[in-house]
Amino acid sequence: MGAGQLRRAWCITGLVMAVGASATGCGEEKEPPRYVGAAEVCDGLFKGPLAKTIESVTGATSFSWTSPKNMDRVVEGLKAGYESGHRWAVGGELCVLYPKRGAPADKSRINFDMYAPEDLEVSGDPGRGRYYTMGKLSYAVPRGSSLYFECVSPQLEGSKERPLRVNGHFYHPEATAQNTPEHLAANLTIMHAASLAVAKKLQCENNGGLPEKPVLKPRT
């Protein structure tokens, strides 16, 4: 008897023997919800107090469901970029925040890539925003934020001598942009949560130098 036939036989037997009981795995997988709250979107990345931060920054409380596989895709993209030996490489999109009944222009996004060493060379004004001390480089502007860190990991051969250079970018639409210290800090708080999650998934030593809680100290 083949594997498929055996599974079907087990399901039929289970249904006959346990009327009304749940037969796990016998049918199709449960369909994901169309919309979720801020605490559930992006595979629960913003659960807890961060949910309120997401709501305040995006101006929405309900979002389209997003695949929990995005984290794996980002990590595999970063690892592939590292193994390529290139100076920079595309990682992938970790999170899309698409408000319920919103237009395509209302989407917010969080992306990760491998940055080139010269990308840390900072000069001048970040553009109606400010630089912070967290990570190798971090800054926030009215419409988003960026955070750069380095990763030494057992998943990355040779990373003790040549760390993986990771940068994350958070972008949200102009409609909810504000040039206030509180809003800029909220933007970077969101980017920190996403970066810390990626660092932990990659098993970066010391979480890539990122603190467990965001440090929102402006750089002088």
C-alpha atoms as a PDB file:
ATOM      1  CA  MET A   1       0.000   0.000   0.000  1.00  0.00           C
ATOM      2  CA  GLY A   2       1.404   3.420  -0.974  1.00  0.00           C
ATOM      3  CA  ALA A   3       1.882   6.300   1.452  1.00  0.00           C
ATOM      4  CA  GLY A   4      -1.128   8.182   0.050  1.00  0.00           C
ATOM      5  CA  GLN A   5      -3.369   5.086   0.263  1.00  0.00           C
ATOM      6  CA  LEU A   6      -2.199   4.391   3.822  1.00  0.00           C
ATOM      7  CA  ARG A   7      -2.979   7.939   4.895  1.00  0.00           C
ATOM      8  CA  ARG A   8      -6.445   7.822   3.360  1.00  0.00           C
ATOM      9  CA  ALA A   9      -7.136   4.451   5.007  1.00  0.00           C
ATOM     10  CA  TRP A  10      -6.068   5.819   8.385  1.00  0.00           C
ATOM     11  CA  CYS A  11      -8.364   8.804   7.965  1.00  0.00           C
ATOM     12  CA  ILE A  12     -11.355   6.664   7.038  1.00  0.00           C
ATOM     13  CA  THR A  13     -10.714   4.329   9.978  1.00  0.00           C
ATOM     14  CA  GLY A  14     -10.333   7.249  12.338  1.00  0.00           C
ATOM     15  CA  LEU A  15     -13.570   8.803  11.164  1.00  0.00           C
ATOM     16  CA  VAL A  16     -15.480   5.533  11.558  1.00  0.00           C
ATOM     17  CA  MET A  17     -14.074   4.847  15.026  1.00  0.00           C
ATOM     18  CA  ALA A  18     -14.429   8.365  16.379  1.00  0.00           C
ATOM     19  CA  VAL A  19     -17.549  10.023  15.053  1.00  0.00           C
ATOM     20  CA  GLY A  20     -17.471  13.719  15.859  1.00  0.00           C
ATOM     21  CA  ALA A  21     -13.788  13.606  16.803  1.00  0.00           C
ATOM     22  CA  SER A  22     -11.161  15.604  14.971  1.00  0.00           C
ATOM     23  CA  ALA A  23      -9.098  13.641  12.439  1.00  0.00           C
ATOM     24  CA  THR A  24      -5.948  15.729  12.197  1.00  0.00           C
ATOM     25  CA  GLY A  25      -4.388  15.824   8.767  1.00  0.00           C
ATOM     26  CA  CYS A  26      -7.271  14.121   6.958  1.00  0.00           C
ATOM     27  CA  GLY A  27      -8.518  17.121   5.075  1.00  0.00           C
ATOM     28  CA  GLU A  28      -7.032  20.187   3.521  1.00  0.00           C
ATOM     29  CA  GLU A  29      -5.084  22.658   5.660  1.00  0.00           C
ATOM     30  CA  LYS A  30      -7.142  25.309   7.358  1.00  0.00           C
ATOM     31  CA  GLU A  31      -7.410  28.460   5.301  1.00  0.00           C
ATOM     32  CA  PRO A  32      -5.605  31.426   6.873  1.00  0.00           C
ATOM     33  CA  PRO A  33      -7.716  34.451   7.827  1.00  0.00           C
ATOM     34  CA  ARG A  34      -7.985  37.273   5.323  1.00  0.00           C
ATOM     35  CA  TYR A  35      -7.291  39.954   7.914  1.00  0.00           C
ATOM     36  CA  VAL A  36      -5.497  40.027  11.247  1.00  0.00           C
ATOM     37  CA  GLY A  37      -4.728  42.589  13.914  1.00  0.00           C
ATOM     38  CA  ALA A  38      -1.395  44.319  14.437  1.00  0.00           C
ATOM     39  CA  ALA A  39      -0.335  41.685  16.981  1.00  0.00           C
ATOM     40  CA  GLU A  40      -0.838  38.837  14.470  1.00  0.00           C
ATOM     41  CA  VAL A  41       0.401  40.387  11.230  1.00  0.00           C
ATOM     42  CA  CYS A  42       3.815  39.292   9.911  1.00  0.00           C
ATOM     43  CA  ASP A  43       3.709  36.056  11.898  1.00  0.00           C
ATOM     44  CA  GLY A  44       3.260  37.820  15.241  1.00  0.00           C
ATOM     45  CA  LEU A  45       6.393  39.937  14.898  1.00  0.00           C
ATOM     46  CA  PHE A  46       4.716  42.872  16.649  1.00  0.00           C
ATOM     47  CA  LYS A  47       2.815  41.141  19.423  1.00  0.00           C
ATOM     48  CA  GLY A  48       2.585  42.834  22.802  1.00  0.00           C
ATOM     49  CA  PRO A  49       3.165  46.592  23.201  1.00  0.00           C
ATOM     50  CA  LEU A  50       4.592  46.797  19.669  1.00  0.00           C
ATOM     51  CA  ALA A  51       1.108  46.272  18.254  1.00  0.00           C
ATOM     52  CA  LYS A  52       0.121  49.751  19.444  1.00  0.00           C
ATOM     53  CA  THR A  53       3.277  51.160  17.847  1.00  0.00           C
ATOM     54  CA  ILE A  54       2.303  49.600  14.517  1.00  0.00           C
ATOM     55  CA  GLU A  55      -1.197  51.032  14.789  1.00  0.00           C
ATOM     56  CA  SER A  56       0.062  54.527  15.598  1.00  0.00           C
ATOM     57  CA  VAL A  57       2.614  54.561  12.780  1.00  0.00           C
ATOM     58  CA  THR A  58       0.403  53.060  10.065  1.00  0.00           C
ATOM     59  CA  GLY A  59      -2.923  54.530  11.191  1.00  0.00           C
ATOM     60  CA  ALA A  60      -4.571  51.095  10.862  1.00  0.00           C
ATOM     61  CA  THR A  61      -5.689  48.310  13.202  1.00  0.00           C
ATOM     62  CA  SER A  62      -6.435  45.496  10.721  1.00  0.00           C
ATOM     63  CA  PHE A  63      -4.141  44.167   7.990  1.00  0.00           C
ATOM     64  CA  SER A  64      -4.055  41.542   5.271  1.00  0.00           C
ATOM     65  CA  TRP A  65      -2.660  38.218   6.455  1.00  0.00           C
ATOM     66  CA  THR A  66       0.968  37.600   5.469  1.00  0.00           C
ATOM     67  CA  SER A  67       2.824  34.311   5.051  1.00  0.00           C
ATOM     68  CA  PRO A  68       4.921  33.079   8.004  1.00  0.00           C
ATOM     69  CA  LYS A  69       7.463  31.801   5.454  1.00  0.00           C
ATOM     70  CA  ASN A  70       8.765  35.296   4.712  1.00  0.00           C
ATOM     71  CA  MET A  71      11.360  35.070   7.493  1.00  0.00           C
ATOM     72  CA  ASP A  72      12.825  31.889   6.022  1.00  0.00           C
ATOM     73  CA  ARG A  73      12.983  33.506   2.597  1.00  0.00           C
ATOM     74  CA  VAL A  74      14.802  36.562   3.958  1.00  0.00           C
ATOM     75  CA  VAL A  75      17.323  34.453   5.875  1.00  0.00           C
ATOM     76  CA  GLU A  76      17.988  32.203   2.891  1.00  0.00           C
ATOM     77  CA  GLY A  77      18.379  35.266   0.682  1.00  0.00           C
ATOM     78  CA  LEU A  78      20.910  36.823   3.060  1.00  0.00           C
ATOM     79  CA  LYS A  79      22.844  33.563   3.360  1.00  0.00           C
ATOM     80  CA  ALA A  80      22.909  33.173  -0.414  1.00  0.00           C
ATOM     81  CA  GLY A  81      24.160  36.731  -0.782  1.00  0.00           C
ATOM     82  CA  TYR A  82      26.883  36.095   1.770  1.00  0.00           C
ATOM     83  CA  GLU A  83      27.997  32.875   0.111  1.00  0.00           C
ATOM     84  CA  SER A  84      28.158  34.617  -3.271  1.00  0.00           C
ATOM     85  CA  GLY A  85      31.049  36.744  -2.029  1.00  0.00           C
ATOM     86  CA  HIS A  86      29.505  39.900  -3.489  1.00  0.00           C
ATOM     87  CA  ARG A  87      29.845  43.232  -1.728  1.00  0.00           C
ATOM     88  CA  TRP A  88      26.067  43.631  -1.524  1.00  0.00           C
ATOM     89  CA  ALA A  89      23.062  41.457  -2.281  1.00  0.00           C
ATOM     90  CA  VAL A  90      19.275  41.427  -2.054  1.00  0.00           C
ATOM     91  CA  GLY A  91      17.815  39.559   0.904  1.00  0.00           C
ATOM     92  CA  GLY A  92      14.062  39.813   0.661  1.00  0.00           C
ATOM     93  CA  GLU A  93      10.814  41.258   1.971  1.00  0.00           C
ATOM     94  CA  LEU A  94      10.087  40.281   5.566  1.00  0.00           C
ATOM     95  CA  CYS A  95       6.807  42.033   6.160  1.00  0.00           C
ATOM     96  CA  VAL A  96       4.038  43.839   4.283  1.00  0.00           C
ATOM     97  CA  LEU A  97       1.521  45.840   6.276  1.00  0.00           C
ATOM     98  CA  TYR A  98      -1.488  46.243   4.006  1.00  0.00           C
ATOM     99  CA  PRO A  99      -4.366  47.941   5.868  1.00  0.00           C
ATOM    100  CA  LYS A 100      -7.832  46.495   5.482  1.00  0.00           C
ATOM    101  CA  ARG A 101      -9.730  48.415   2.776  1.00  0.00           C
ATOM    102  CA  GLY A 102      -6.511  50.251   1.941  1.00  0.00           C
ATOM    103  CA  ALA A 103      -5.178  51.132  -1.491  1.00  0.00           C
ATOM    104  CA  PRO A 104      -1.881  49.718  -2.827  1.00  0.00           C
ATOM    105  CA  ALA A 105      -0.245  53.055  -1.970  1.00  0.00           C
ATOM    106  CA  ASP A 106      -1.144  52.492   1.701  1.00  0.00           C
ATOM    107  CA  LYS A 107       1.195  49.521   2.115  1.00  0.00           C
ATOM    108  CA  SER A 108       4.105  49.602   4.555  1.00  0.00           C
ATOM    109  CA  ARG A 109       7.082  47.308   4.029  1.00  0.00           C
ATOM    110  CA  ILE A 110      10.135  45.918   5.820  1.00  0.00           C
ATOM    111  CA  ASN A 111      12.987  44.646   3.645  1.00  0.00           C
ATOM    112  CA  PHE A 112      16.430  43.206   4.394  1.00  0.00           C
ATOM    113  CA  ASP A 113      19.551  43.173   2.231  1.00  0.00           C
ATOM    114  CA  MET A 114      23.305  42.681   2.513  1.00  0.00           C
ATOM    115  CA  TYR A 115      25.012  46.064   2.433  1.00  0.00           C
ATOM    116  CA  ALA A 116      28.389  47.088   1.041  1.00  0.00           C
ATOM    117  CA  PRO A 117      31.040  48.346   3.515  1.00  0.00           C
ATOM    118  CA  GLU A 118      30.991  51.853   2.076  1.00  0.00           C
ATOM    119  CA  ASP A 119      27.287  52.169   2.879  1.00  0.00           C
ATOM    120  CA  LEU A 120      28.270  52.993   6.456  1.00  0.00           C
ATOM    121  CA  GLU A 121      30.057  56.158   5.352  1.00  0.00           C
ATOM    122  CA  VAL A 122      27.684  58.799   6.648  1.00  0.00           C
ATOM    123  CA  SER A 123      27.798  62.454   5.720  1.00  0.00           C
ATOM    124  CA  GLY A 124      25.358  65.274   6.146  1.00  0.00           C
ATOM    125  CA  ASP A 125      21.710  65.232   7.148  1.00  0.00           C
ATOM    126  CA  PRO A 126      19.563  62.048   6.876  1.00  0.00           C
ATOM    127  CA  GLY A 127      16.751  64.172   5.406  1.00  0.00           C
ATOM    128  CA  ARG A 128      14.301  65.581   7.955  1.00  0.00           C
ATOM    129  CA  GLY A 129      15.317  62.808  10.337  1.00  0.00           C
ATOM    130  CA  ARG A 130      18.047  61.830  12.752  1.00  0.00           C
ATOM    131  CA  TYR A 131      20.807  59.298  13.308  1.00  0.00           C
ATOM    132  CA  TYR A 132      20.886  57.026  16.360  1.00  0.00           C
ATOM    133  CA  THR A 133      23.590  55.068  18.196  1.00  0.00           C
ATOM    134  CA  MET A 134      22.022  51.608  17.805  1.00  0.00           C
ATOM    135  CA  GLY A 135      23.738  49.060  15.550  1.00  0.00           C
ATOM    136  CA  LYS A 136      26.506  49.841  13.086  1.00  0.00           C
ATOM    137  CA  LEU A 137      24.272  52.578  11.676  1.00  0.00           C
ATOM    138  CA  SER A 138      20.682  53.547  12.331  1.00  0.00           C
ATOM    139  CA  TYR A 139      18.468  56.437  11.368  1.00  0.00           C
ATOM    140  CA  ALA A 140      14.824  57.371  11.132  1.00  0.00           C
ATOM    141  CA  VAL A 141      12.943  59.741   8.850  1.00  0.00           C
ATOM    142  CA  PRO A 142       9.245  60.710   8.776  1.00  0.00           C
ATOM    143  CA  ARG A 143       8.389  57.843   6.394  1.00  0.00           C
ATOM    144  CA  GLY A 144      10.505  55.048   7.864  1.00  0.00           C
ATOM    145  CA  SER A 145      13.833  53.931   9.280  1.00  0.00           C
ATOM    146  CA  SER A 146      16.959  51.854   8.614  1.00  0.00           C
ATOM    147  CA  LEU A 147      19.190  49.727  10.811  1.00  0.00           C
ATOM    148  CA  TYR A 148      22.542  48.145   9.915  1.00  0.00           C
ATOM    149  CA  PHE A 149      24.313  45.372  11.843  1.00  0.00           C
ATOM    150  CA  GLU A 150      26.928  42.661  11.391  1.00  0.00           C
ATOM    151  CA  CYS A 151      26.369  38.958  11.988  1.00  0.00           C
ATOM    152  CA  VAL A 152      28.823  36.241  13.035  1.00  0.00           C
ATOM    153  CA  SER A 153      26.970  32.920  13.009  1.00  0.00           C
ATOM    154  CA  PRO A 154      27.562  29.163  12.914  1.00  0.00           C
ATOM    155  CA  GLN A 155      25.223  29.199   9.903  1.00  0.00           C
ATOM    156  CA  LEU A 156      27.763  31.304   7.971  1.00  0.00           C
ATOM    157  CA  GLU A 157      31.115  29.650   7.330  1.00  0.00           C
ATOM    158  CA  GLY A 158      33.970  32.132   7.704  1.00  0.00           C
ATOM    159  CA  SER A 159      31.826  34.826   9.311  1.00  0.00           C
ATOM    160  CA  LYS A 160      34.225  35.285  12.244  1.00  0.00           C
ATOM    161  CA  GLU A 161      36.701  36.749   9.775  1.00  0.00           C
ATOM    162  CA  ARG A 162      34.086  38.171   7.403  1.00  0.00           C
ATOM    163  CA  PRO A 163      30.771  38.955   9.134  1.00  0.00           C
ATOM    164  CA  LEU A 164      27.546  39.112   7.175  1.00  0.00           C
ATOM    165  CA  ARG A 165      26.545  42.771   6.759  1.00  0.00           C
ATOM    166  CA  VAL A 166      22.776  43.146   7.187  1.00  0.00           C
ATOM    167  CA  ASN A 167      20.650  46.222   6.679  1.00  0.00           C
ATOM    168  CA  GLY A 168      16.911  46.519   7.211  1.00  0.00           C
ATOM    169  CA  HIS A 169      14.607  49.217   5.865  1.00  0.00           C
ATOM    170  CA  PHE A 170      11.128  50.117   7.055  1.00  0.00           C
ATOM    171  CA  TYR A 171       8.950  52.261   4.795  1.00  0.00           C
ATOM    172  CA  HIS A 172       5.434  53.572   5.300  1.00  0.00           C
ATOM    173  CA  PRO A 173       3.321  55.945   3.191  1.00  0.00           C
ATOM    174  CA  GLU A 174       3.410  59.716   3.306  1.00  0.00           C
ATOM    175  CA  ALA A 175      -0.128  59.838   4.699  1.00  0.00           C
ATOM    176  CA  THR A 176       1.055  58.802   8.163  1.00  0.00           C
ATOM    177  CA  ALA A 177       4.466  60.517   8.120  1.00  0.00           C
ATOM    178  CA  GLN A 178       5.318  62.892  10.956  1.00  0.00           C
ATOM    179  CA  ASN A 179       8.527  64.774  11.621  1.00  0.00           C
ATOM    180  CA  THR A 180       8.414  64.547  15.412  1.00  0.00           C
ATOM    181  CA  PRO A 181      10.880  62.898  17.821  1.00  0.00           C
ATOM    182  CA  GLU A 182       8.154  60.502  18.969  1.00  0.00           C
ATOM    183  CA  HIS A 183       7.258  59.374  15.449  1.00  0.00           C
ATOM    184  CA  LEU A 184      10.892  58.947  14.413  1.00  0.00           C
ATOM    185  CA  ALA A 185      11.529  56.862  17.524  1.00  0.00           C
ATOM    186  CA  ALA A 186       8.466  54.713  16.754  1.00  0.00           C
ATOM    187  CA  ASN A 187       9.738  54.099  13.218  1.00  0.00           C
ATOM    188  CA  LEU A 188      13.097  52.910  14.550  1.00  0.00           C
ATOM    189  CA  THR A 189      11.412  50.797  17.240  1.00  0.00           C
ATOM    190  CA  ILE A 190       9.624  48.856  14.516  1.00  0.00           C
ATOM    191  CA  MET A 191      12.854  48.399  12.569  1.00  0.00           C
ATOM    192  CA  HIS A 192      14.651  47.196  15.693  1.00  0.00           C
ATOM    193  CA  ALA A 193      12.017  44.513  16.345  1.00  0.00           C
ATOM    194  CA  ALA A 194      12.340  43.179  12.801  1.00  0.00           C
ATOM    195  CA  SER A 195      16.162  43.317  12.847  1.00  0.00           C
ATOM    196  CA  LEU A 196      16.385  41.525  16.184  1.00  0.00           C
ATOM    197  CA  ALA A 197      14.103  38.768  14.878  1.00  0.00           C
ATOM    198  CA  VAL A 198      16.319  38.307  11.804  1.00  0.00           C
ATOM    199  CA  ALA A 199      19.483  38.298  13.937  1.00  0.00           C
ATOM    200  CA  LYS A 200      18.026  35.588  16.171  1.00  0.00           C
ATOM    201  CA  LYS A 201      16.890  33.493  13.203  1.00  0.00           C
ATOM    202  CA  LEU A 202      20.418  33.716  11.800  1.00  0.00           C
ATOM    203  CA  GLN A 203      21.840  32.806  15.246  1.00  0.00           C
ATOM    204  CA  CYS A 204      24.062  35.882  15.204  1.00  0.00           C
ATOM    205  CA  GLU A 205      26.492  36.094  18.115  1.00  0.00           C
ATOM    206  CA  ASN A 206      25.267  38.630  20.666  1.00  0.00           C
ATOM    207  CA  ASN A 207      22.263  39.182  18.358  1.00  0.00           C
ATOM    208  CA  GLY A 208      24.475  41.082  15.961  1.00  0.00           C
ATOM    209  CA  GLY A 209      25.177  43.679  18.643  1.00  0.00           C
ATOM    210  CA  LEU A 210      21.509  44.613  18.867  1.00  0.00           C
ATOM    211  CA  PRO A 211      19.968  45.139  22.312  1.00  0.00           C
ATOM    212  CA  GLU A 212      16.883  43.218  23.420  1.00  0.00           C
ATOM    213  CA  LYS A 213      15.083  46.530  23.826  1.00  0.00           C
ATOM    214  CA  PRO A 214      15.598  49.400  21.353  1.00  0.00           C
ATOM    215  CA  VAL A 215      18.111  52.078  22.276  1.00  0.00           C
ATOM    216  CA  LEU A 216      16.715  55.324  20.907  1.00  0.00           C
ATOM    217  CA  LYS A 217      19.587  57.630  21.741  1.00  0.00           C
ATOM    218  CA  PRO A 218      20.253  60.183  18.973  1.00  0.00           C
ATOM    219  CA  ARG A 219      23.818  60.297  17.729  1.00  0.00           C
ATOM    220  CA  THR A 220      25.601  63.606  18.250  1.00  0.00           C
END
